[in-house]
């Protein structure tokens, strides 16, 4: 049971980390396009 809970927790952490990475990547792309437009 403890092992199963740990697996669930690790999966949740992995999901949140990947979503944060996607979000920061999208923000970076938006900032980049805005900067190139201002140039």
N, C-alpha and C. Protein backbone atom coordinates (compact mmCIF):
# COMPACT_ATOMS: atom_id res chain seq x y z
N UNK A 1 0.84 -1.20 0.00
CA UNK A 1 0.00 0.00 0.00
C UNK A 1 0.88 1.25 0.00
N UNK A 2 1.91 1.26 0.83
CA UNK A 2 2.79 2.43 0.90
C UNK A 2 3.44 2.66 -0.46
N UNK A 3 3.85 1.56 -1.11
CA UNK A 3 4.49 1.67 -2.42
C UNK A 3 3.53 2.27 -3.44
N UNK A 4 2.27 1.84 -3.38
CA UNK A 4 1.26 2.36 -4.32
C UNK A 4 1.05 3.85 -4.10
N UNK A 5 1.01 4.27 -2.85
CA UNK A 5 0.82 5.70 -2.54
C UNK A 5 2.01 6.51 -3.05
N UNK A 6 3.21 5.96 -2.88
CA UNK A 6 4.40 6.66 -3.36
C UNK A 6 4.37 6.79 -4.88
N UNK A 7 3.93 5.72 -5.55
CA UNK A 7 3.84 5.77 -7.02
C UNK A 7 2.85 6.85 -7.45
N UNK A 8 1.73 6.94 -6.74
CA UNK A 8 0.72 7.96 -7.06
C UNK A 8 1.30 9.35 -6.86
N UNK A 9 2.00 9.53 -5.75
CA UNK A 9 2.58 10.84 -5.44
C UNK A 9 3.61 11.24 -6.49
N UNK A 10 4.46 10.29 -6.88
CA UNK A 10 5.49 10.57 -7.89
C UNK A 10 4.84 10.93 -9.22
N UNK A 11 3.78 10.21 -9.58
CA UNK A 11 3.09 10.49 -10.84
C UNK A 11 2.48 11.89 -10.79
N UNK A 12 1.91 12.25 -9.64
CA UNK A 12 1.30 13.59 -9.50
C UNK A 12 2.38 14.66 -9.61
N UNK A 13 3.51 14.44 -8.96
CA UNK A 13 4.62 15.41 -9.02
C UNK A 13 5.11 15.55 -10.45
N UNK A 14 5.22 14.43 -11.15
CA UNK A 14 5.69 14.45 -12.54
C UNK A 14 4.72 15.24 -13.41
N UNK A 15 3.41 15.01 -13.21
CA UNK A 15 2.40 15.72 -14.00
C UNK A 15 2.46 17.22 -13.75
N UNK A 16 2.57 17.61 -12.49
CA UNK A 16 2.61 19.05 -12.17
C UNK A 16 3.88 19.68 -12.71
N UNK A 17 5.00 18.96 -12.64
CA UNK A 17 6.26 19.49 -13.15
C UNK A 17 6.18 19.70 -14.65
N UNK A 18 5.60 18.72 -15.38
CA UNK A 18 5.51 18.86 -16.83
C UNK A 18 4.56 19.98 -17.21
N UNK A 19 3.47 20.16 -16.45
CA UNK A 19 2.54 21.25 -16.76
C UNK A 19 3.19 22.60 -16.50
N UNK A 20 4.00 22.68 -15.44
CA UNK A 20 4.72 23.93 -15.15
C UNK A 20 5.71 24.23 -16.27
N UNK A 21 6.39 23.18 -16.75
CA UNK A 21 7.35 23.37 -17.84
C UNK A 21 6.63 23.84 -19.09
N UNK A 22 5.47 23.25 -19.39
CA UNK A 22 4.70 23.67 -20.56
C UNK A 22 4.29 25.12 -20.43
N UNK A 23 3.83 25.49 -19.23
CA UNK A 23 3.36 26.86 -18.99
C UNK A 23 4.51 27.86 -19.16
N UNK A 24 5.67 27.56 -18.57
CA UNK A 24 6.80 28.48 -18.69
C UNK A 24 7.29 28.53 -20.13
N UNK A 25 7.22 27.42 -20.85
CA UNK A 25 7.62 27.41 -22.25
C UNK A 25 6.70 28.28 -23.08
N UNK A 26 5.39 28.20 -22.82
CA UNK A 26 4.43 29.02 -23.56
C UNK A 26 4.65 30.50 -23.24
N UNK A 27 4.89 30.81 -21.97
CA UNK A 27 5.15 32.20 -21.58
C UNK A 27 6.40 32.73 -22.26
N UNK A 28 7.43 31.88 -22.32
CA UNK A 28 8.68 32.28 -22.97
C UNK A 28 8.44 32.57 -24.46
N UNK A 29 7.66 31.72 -25.12
CA UNK A 29 7.37 31.92 -26.55
C UNK A 29 6.59 33.21 -26.76
N UNK A 30 5.63 33.48 -25.89
CA UNK A 30 4.83 34.71 -26.01
C UNK A 30 5.73 35.93 -25.82
N UNK A 31 6.59 35.89 -24.82
CA UNK A 31 7.51 37.01 -24.58
C UNK A 31 8.43 37.21 -25.77
N UNK A 32 8.89 36.11 -26.36
CA UNK A 32 9.80 36.18 -27.50
C UNK A 32 9.10 36.83 -28.69
N UNK A 33 7.86 36.43 -28.96
CA UNK A 33 7.14 37.00 -30.10
C UNK A 33 6.85 38.48 -29.88
N UNK A 34 6.55 38.86 -28.65
CA UNK A 34 6.30 40.27 -28.34
C UNK A 34 7.57 41.08 -28.55
N UNK A 35 8.70 40.53 -28.11
CA UNK A 35 9.98 41.23 -28.27
C UNK A 35 10.32 41.41 -29.74
N UNK A 36 10.11 40.38 -30.54
CA UNK A 36 10.44 40.48 -31.97
C UNK A 36 9.50 41.46 -32.67
N UNK A 37 8.27 41.55 -32.20
CA UNK A 37 7.33 42.52 -32.79
C UNK A 37 7.77 43.94 -32.47
N UNK A 38 8.26 44.16 -31.24
CA UNK A 38 8.68 45.50 -30.84
C UNK A 38 9.95 45.93 -31.56
N UNK A 39 10.76 44.96 -32.01
CA UNK A 39 11.97 45.29 -32.75
C UNK A 39 11.57 45.86 -34.09
